[in-house]
Amino acid sequence: MTRQPPHEDWVVYLVVLSVVAAMMLGKYLIGKGDEPIDQVIKEDIEELEHSIEELAEDIEKKIK
């Protein structure tokens, strides 16, 4: 049996980061409950829109 050279560093980093991302996505979806993914994403987008609008209003107040 011959020993193979180790993989390139970027391959290992890519595999580890993809596994971590998949685990985080799974935990996020479990935390959100059994709602369909479309509703979850829509709710998150609405929350982000509201927070962006609030930030824009705060910036406008500070500029004036």
N, C-alpha and C. Protein backbone atom coordinates (compact mmCIF):
# COMPACT_ATOMS: atom_id res chain seq x y z
N MET A 1 0.83 -1.17 0.00
CA MET A 1 0.00 0.00 0.00
C MET A 1 0.89 1.25 0.00
N THR A 2 0.58 2.15 -0.91
CA THR A 2 1.35 3.38 -0.95
C THR A 2 0.56 4.50 -0.27
N ARG A 3 1.31 5.41 0.27
CA ARG A 3 0.68 6.52 0.96
C ARG A 3 0.47 7.67 -0.01
N GLN A 4 -0.76 8.21 -0.04
CA GLN A 4 -1.06 9.31 -0.94
C GLN A 4 -0.66 10.62 -0.30
N PRO A 5 -0.26 11.59 -1.11
CA PRO A 5 0.04 12.91 -0.54
C PRO A 5 -1.24 13.57 -0.02
N PRO A 6 -1.12 14.40 1.00
CA PRO A 6 -2.34 15.04 1.55
C PRO A 6 -2.98 15.98 0.54
N HIS A 7 -4.26 16.22 0.73
CA HIS A 7 -4.99 17.12 -0.15
C HIS A 7 -4.47 18.54 0.00
N GLU A 8 -4.76 19.33 -1.00
CA GLU A 8 -4.42 20.75 -0.93
C GLU A 8 -5.19 21.39 0.21
N ASP A 9 -4.66 22.46 0.79
CA ASP A 9 -5.32 23.12 1.92
C ASP A 9 -6.68 23.66 1.55
N TRP A 10 -6.83 24.23 0.35
CA TRP A 10 -8.10 24.86 -0.01
C TRP A 10 -9.21 23.82 -0.10
N VAL A 11 -8.88 22.58 -0.47
CA VAL A 11 -9.90 21.53 -0.56
C VAL A 11 -10.42 21.21 0.84
N VAL A 12 -9.51 21.10 1.78
CA VAL A 12 -9.90 20.79 3.16
C VAL A 12 -10.74 21.93 3.74
N TYR A 13 -10.29 23.17 3.52
CA TYR A 13 -11.05 24.32 4.01
C TYR A 13 -12.45 24.36 3.39
N LEU A 14 -12.55 24.09 2.11
CA LEU A 14 -13.85 24.10 1.43
C LEU A 14 -14.78 23.05 2.01
N VAL A 15 -14.27 21.86 2.24
CA VAL A 15 -15.10 20.79 2.80
C VAL A 15 -15.57 21.14 4.21
N VAL A 16 -14.66 21.63 5.03
CA VAL A 16 -15.02 21.96 6.41
C VAL A 16 -16.02 23.10 6.44
N LEU A 17 -15.79 24.15 5.67
CA LEU A 17 -16.72 25.29 5.66
C LEU A 17 -18.09 24.90 5.12
N SER A 18 -18.14 24.03 4.11
CA SER A 18 -19.44 23.62 3.59
C SER A 18 -20.20 22.78 4.61
N VAL A 19 -19.51 21.94 5.36
CA VAL A 19 -20.17 21.14 6.40
C VAL A 19 -20.69 22.05 7.51
N VAL A 20 -19.88 23.02 7.91
CA VAL A 20 -20.31 23.95 8.96
C VAL A 20 -21.51 24.76 8.49
N ALA A 21 -21.49 25.24 7.24
CA ALA A 21 -22.62 26.01 6.70
C ALA A 21 -23.88 25.16 6.65
N ALA A 22 -23.76 23.92 6.24
CA ALA A 22 -24.93 23.04 6.18
C ALA A 22 -25.49 22.78 7.58
N MET A 23 -24.62 22.59 8.55
CA MET A 23 -25.08 22.38 9.92
C MET A 23 -25.78 23.62 10.46
N MET A 24 -25.23 24.79 10.19
CA MET A 24 -25.85 26.02 10.68
C MET A 24 -27.21 26.24 10.02
N LEU A 25 -27.30 25.96 8.72
CA LEU A 25 -28.59 26.09 8.04
C LEU A 25 -29.60 25.12 8.64
N GLY A 26 -29.19 23.90 8.90
CA GLY A 26 -30.09 22.92 9.50
C GLY A 26 -30.57 23.35 10.87
N LYS A 27 -29.66 23.85 11.70
CA LYS A 27 -30.05 24.32 13.03
C LYS A 27 -30.99 25.53 12.93
N TYR A 28 -30.73 26.41 11.97
CA TYR A 28 -31.59 27.57 11.77
C TYR A 28 -33.00 27.13 11.40
N LEU A 29 -33.09 26.18 10.47
CA LEU A 29 -34.41 25.71 10.04
C LEU A 29 -35.13 24.97 11.15
N ILE A 30 -34.41 24.22 11.95
CA ILE A 30 -35.02 23.53 13.08
C ILE A 30 -35.54 24.55 14.09
N GLY A 31 -34.76 25.60 14.31
CA GLY A 31 -35.16 26.63 15.26
C GLY A 31 -36.39 27.39 14.80
N LYS A 32 -36.55 27.53 13.49
CA LYS A 32 -37.70 28.26 12.96
C LYS A 32 -38.98 27.43 13.04
N GLY A 33 -38.87 26.15 13.17
CA GLY A 33 -40.05 25.30 13.29
C GLY A 33 -40.41 24.62 11.99
N ASP A 34 -41.64 24.20 11.91
CA ASP A 34 -42.10 23.42 10.76
C ASP A 34 -42.75 24.27 9.68
N GLU A 35 -42.54 25.57 9.72
CA GLU A 35 -43.13 26.42 8.69
C GLU A 35 -42.46 26.14 7.35
N PRO A 36 -43.20 26.29 6.26
CA PRO A 36 -42.58 26.13 4.94
C PRO A 36 -41.45 27.15 4.75
N ILE A 37 -40.44 26.75 4.01
CA ILE A 37 -39.25 27.59 3.85
C ILE A 37 -39.58 28.92 3.18
N ASP A 38 -40.57 28.94 2.29
CA ASP A 38 -40.95 30.20 1.64
C ASP A 38 -41.44 31.22 2.65
N GLN A 39 -42.24 30.77 3.62
CA GLN A 39 -42.74 31.68 4.64
C GLN A 39 -41.61 32.18 5.54
N VAL A 40 -40.70 31.28 5.88
CA VAL A 40 -39.59 31.65 6.74
C VAL A 40 -38.74 32.72 6.06
N ILE A 41 -38.42 32.50 4.79
CA ILE A 41 -37.60 33.46 4.06
C ILE A 41 -38.34 34.78 3.90
N LYS A 42 -39.64 34.72 3.61
CA LYS A 42 -40.42 35.95 3.44
C LYS A 42 -40.45 36.75 4.74
N GLU A 43 -40.61 36.08 5.88
CA GLU A 43 -40.62 36.76 7.17
C GLU A 43 -39.27 37.41 7.45
N ASP A 44 -38.19 36.68 7.14
CA ASP A 44 -36.86 37.23 7.36
C ASP A 44 -36.61 38.45 6.49
N ILE A 45 -37.06 38.40 5.25
CA ILE A 45 -36.88 39.54 4.34
C ILE A 45 -37.67 40.74 4.84
N GLU A 46 -38.90 40.51 5.32
CA GLU A 46 -39.71 41.61 5.85
C GLU A 46 -39.04 42.24 7.08
N GLU A 47 -38.49 41.41 7.95
CA GLU A 47 -37.79 41.94 9.13
C GLU A 47 -36.59 42.78 8.71
N LEU A 48 -35.85 42.30 7.74
CA LEU A 48 -34.69 43.07 7.26
C LEU A 48 -35.11 44.39 6.62
N GLU A 49 -36.20 44.36 5.86
CA GLU A 49 -36.69 45.60 5.23
C GLU A 49 -37.07 46.63 6.28
N HIS A 50 -37.75 46.17 7.34
CA HIS A 50 -38.16 47.09 8.40
C HIS A 50 -36.94 47.67 9.12
N SER A 51 -35.95 46.82 9.39
CA SER A 51 -34.76 47.33 10.08
C SER A 51 -33.98 48.29 9.19
N ILE A 52 -33.94 48.04 7.89
CA ILE A 52 -33.25 48.95 6.96
C ILE A 52 -33.99 50.28 6.89
N GLU A 53 -35.32 50.24 6.87
CA GLU A 53 -36.09 51.48 6.85
C GLU A 53 -35.84 52.29 8.13
N GLU A 54 -35.79 51.62 9.27
CA GLU A 54 -35.51 52.31 10.53
C GLU A 54 -34.12 52.93 10.52
N LEU A 55 -33.14 52.19 10.00
CA LEU A 55 -31.79 52.73 9.91
C LEU A 55 -31.74 53.95 9.00
N ALA A 56 -32.46 53.88 7.87
CA ALA A 56 -32.48 55.02 6.95
C ALA A 56 -33.11 56.24 7.62
N GLU A 57 -34.18 56.03 8.37
CA GLU A 57 -34.82 57.15 9.08
C GLU A 57 -33.88 57.73 10.12
N ASP A 58 -33.18 56.88 10.86
CA ASP A 58 -32.23 57.36 11.86
C ASP A 58 -31.10 58.17 11.22
N ILE A 59 -30.62 57.70 10.09
CA ILE A 59 -29.54 58.42 9.39
C ILE A 59 -30.04 59.77 8.90
N GLU A 60 -31.26 59.79 8.36
CA GLU A 60 -31.84 61.07 7.88
C GLU A 60 -31.98 62.05 9.03
N LYS A 61 -32.42 61.58 10.20
CA LYS A 61 -32.56 62.46 11.36
C LYS A 61 -31.21 63.00 11.80
N LYS A 62 -30.17 62.17 11.77
CA LYS A 62 -28.87 62.61 12.19
C LYS A 62 -28.25 63.60 11.20
N ILE A 63 -28.57 63.44 9.93
CA ILE A 63 -28.04 64.35 8.91
C ILE A 63 -28.68 65.72 9.03
N LYS A 64 -29.97 65.77 9.32
CA LYS A 64 -30.71 67.04 9.38
C LYS A 64 -30.36 67.80 10.59
